[in-house]
Protein backbone atom coordinates (compact mmCIF):
# COMPACT_ATOMS: atom_id res chain seq x y z
CA MET A 1 -10.41 4.78 9.41
CA PHE A 2 -12.09 1.99 7.44
CA LEU A 3 -14.34 4.53 5.73
CA CYS A 4 -11.37 6.60 4.54
CA SER A 5 -9.53 3.49 3.42
CA GLY A 6 -12.63 2.27 1.60
CA LEU A 7 -13.08 5.63 -0.11
CA LEU A 8 -9.44 5.69 -1.21
CA THR A 9 -9.77 2.20 -2.65
CA PHE A 10 -12.96 3.20 -4.45
CA TYR A 11 -11.33 6.25 -6.04
CA GLN A 12 -8.17 4.33 -6.95
CA GLN A 13 -10.27 1.75 -8.78
CA LYS A 14 -12.54 4.38 -10.33
CA LEU A 15 -9.62 6.42 -11.69
CA LYS A 16 -7.52 3.47 -12.87
CA GLY A 17 -7.31 3.77 -16.63
CA ALA A 18 -9.54 6.84 -16.74
CA PRO A 19 -8.20 9.66 -18.89
CA MET A 20 -7.10 12.75 -17.01
CA PRO A 21 -9.22 15.76 -17.88
CA THR A 22 -7.35 18.79 -19.19
CA GLY A 23 -8.17 22.44 -18.99
CA THR A 24 -7.07 25.77 -17.62
CA ILE A 25 -7.97 27.15 -14.22
CA ASN A 26 -7.30 30.78 -13.39
CA LEU A 27 -6.90 31.57 -9.70
CA SER A 28 -6.33 34.80 -7.89
CA GLU A 29 -3.51 34.98 -5.34
CA GLU A 30 -6.10 34.76 -2.56
CA GLN A 31 -7.73 31.67 -4.09
CA LEU A 32 -4.33 30.03 -4.56
CA ALA A 33 -3.42 30.72 -0.93
CA LYS A 34 -6.71 29.14 0.20
CA LEU A 35 -6.12 26.13 -2.05
CA ILE A 36 -2.64 25.62 -0.61
CA ASP A 37 -4.01 25.92 2.94
CA ALA A 38 -6.68 23.32 2.12
CA TYR A 39 -4.02 21.00 0.68
CA LYS A 40 -1.93 21.34 3.86
CA THR A 41 -4.98 20.61 6.02
CA ILE A 42 -5.85 17.46 4.05
CA LYS A 43 -2.20 16.35 4.05
CA GLU A 44 -1.94 16.76 7.85
CA PHE A 45 -5.22 14.92 8.37
CA LEU A 46 -4.23 11.99 6.16
CA ALA A 47 -0.81 11.76 7.81
CA SER A 48 -2.44 11.56 11.25
CA ALA A 49 -5.29 9.23 10.27
CA LEU A 50 -3.70 6.78 7.83
CA SER A 51 -0.42 4.95 7.52
CA PRO A 52 1.45 5.23 4.20
CA ASN A 53 0.56 1.58 3.53
CA GLU A 54 -3.11 2.54 3.43
CA LEU A 55 -2.54 5.41 1.02
CA TYR A 56 -0.74 3.43 -1.69
CA CYS A 57 -1.75 0.34 -3.63
CA GLU A 58 0.17 -2.91 -3.09
CA GLU A 59 1.75 -2.76 -6.56
CA PHE A 60 3.33 0.62 -5.77
CA LEU A 61 4.54 -0.54 -2.35
CA ALA A 62 6.09 -3.69 -3.88
CA GLY A 63 7.97 -1.53 -6.40
CA LEU A 64 9.11 0.76 -3.61
CA ARG A 65 10.42 -2.19 -1.59
CA GLU A 66 12.18 -3.58 -4.68
CA SER A 67 13.84 -0.22 -5.35
CA ASP A 68 14.91 0.04 -1.72
CA ASP A 69 16.46 -3.45 -1.91
CA ASP A 70 18.27 -2.52 -5.15
CA ILE A 71 19.74 0.57 -3.51
CA ARG A 72 20.81 -1.37 -0.42
CA ASN A 73 22.43 -4.11 -2.54
CA LYS A 74 23.95 -1.58 -4.99
CA LYS A 75 22.07 -3.09 -7.94
CA MET A 76 22.01 0.13 -9.92
CA ASN A 77 23.01 1.09 -13.43
CA GLU A 78 24.01 4.63 -14.29
CA VAL A 79 21.55 6.24 -16.68
CA ARG A 80 22.99 8.78 -19.09
CA SER A 81 20.06 9.09 -21.50
CA LEU A 82 16.39 8.27 -21.81
CA ASP A 83 17.32 5.28 -24.00
CA ASP A 84 19.41 3.86 -21.10
CA PHE A 85 16.44 4.26 -18.81
CA VAL A 86 13.90 2.61 -21.12
CA THR A 87 15.97 -0.44 -22.03
């Protein structure tokens, strides 16, 4: 489990601030089905091997806890436009 956690930390640090590459990938239906199966396999493995706290960085978890507290304490403002959300 330490190895997986260490690898996740490495990739999180490596990708932080790195630009996302763009491009087009064409897949056949068979390739897409295999890709989805691979995703499901990895998802099931990670769910069984790691807790959610090991998958996310502390900053994200702190924000999640803060949002949860806001919902519980009804500290919410209705957002009607993007301007409401940003300010």
